Amino acid sequence: MSVVSSVLVPYTSYLRVYEPLAAFPEAERAHWARYAQRTEFPTAQDELRRALADLVPTPPVGVSPHESADAFVAELDGVVCVCPWRTRLRGWLALEELGGLFPANVLDAVLPPVVREQQTADHERWQRRNPDARPWIRTAVWHVPVRWFVLFTDEEREYGAPDGAGGPAALRYRTPMVQARRRLARGLRTLRETVDDGPLADGLVDVGRWLEEFHPRSLVELDYGGLVHAVPAARLAGDRSAADVAEGLAALRAGDNDRAAEAYGRLAERWRAVRDLRSAN
């Protein structure tokens, strides 16, 4: 078994946008149209393994010198939609956040300062040439941000139990862009009318600005990703986080603060248990 393939999948969740082919410039549209005709597609774990492979050389490669030509593919109302990986852009964005995740000595050991400085310079040059670029995928480690659940309903929850071969369960939500935007706007209005602005409201504003960058006929997906490797299947099966968020917002609209607190309490306890696993690890 190779070094890369034996690495455990990090406990990461994903918020993805799949855009219809019509949203892309002609040359890129042709590439994705051909790509979508494949019979097999790489998975999120394949994407992760390729990224981890860059950390094996000495010195490590902080961000790949080449942009990925891969994507996730889905269908919405008979229309093919793609979610480009854009691993190079996401790598640069991730590097900007590393300082707040690791102590300086750990960060320097994983990615030496000279590597990070070079990547920062590369990103700045690239950004000047591509000022409107944005990723199709957002990630979070060891949790799913509460603001992401606002975009979905419990009816859109898709849970797959573990298979007989010992594979992990899977949990995701999918919804049309128009529904995601509508729910976000309503949730934000509820928060501002009942509890004023705060971290959740600020987070919704940020997600809303991001969603506005995409085609209105896109598909939005929340994928528990690597978290399914950390959370027991029985707990995943009972995870109704989107329902708890929706109940909490409905309670706030109705002026029932006690019911809103109960819904939030269930949500907070569920994700506190997951975060505790990070400390244990």
Foldseek 3Di string as FASTA:
>chain_A
DDPLVPDADFQKKKKFKWAFLVFDDPVLSVLVVVVVPDPDADDPSVVVSVCVVQQPDVNGQQADPDFDSGWDWDDDPNTITTFGQRRRVVSLVVLVCVPVVDPPVVVCVRHNPVNNVVSVVVVVVVCVVVVPDDHRMDMDGLFDDLLVLLQFALVQWDWACADPVRRFIWIKGKDQLVSSLVSLVLLLVLCCVQPNDDDSNVVSVVVNVVSVSGDNRMMIMIISPSNSVVDDRVLVVVDRSSNLSVQLSVCSVVVNNVSNVVSVVVNVVSSVVSVVVVVVD
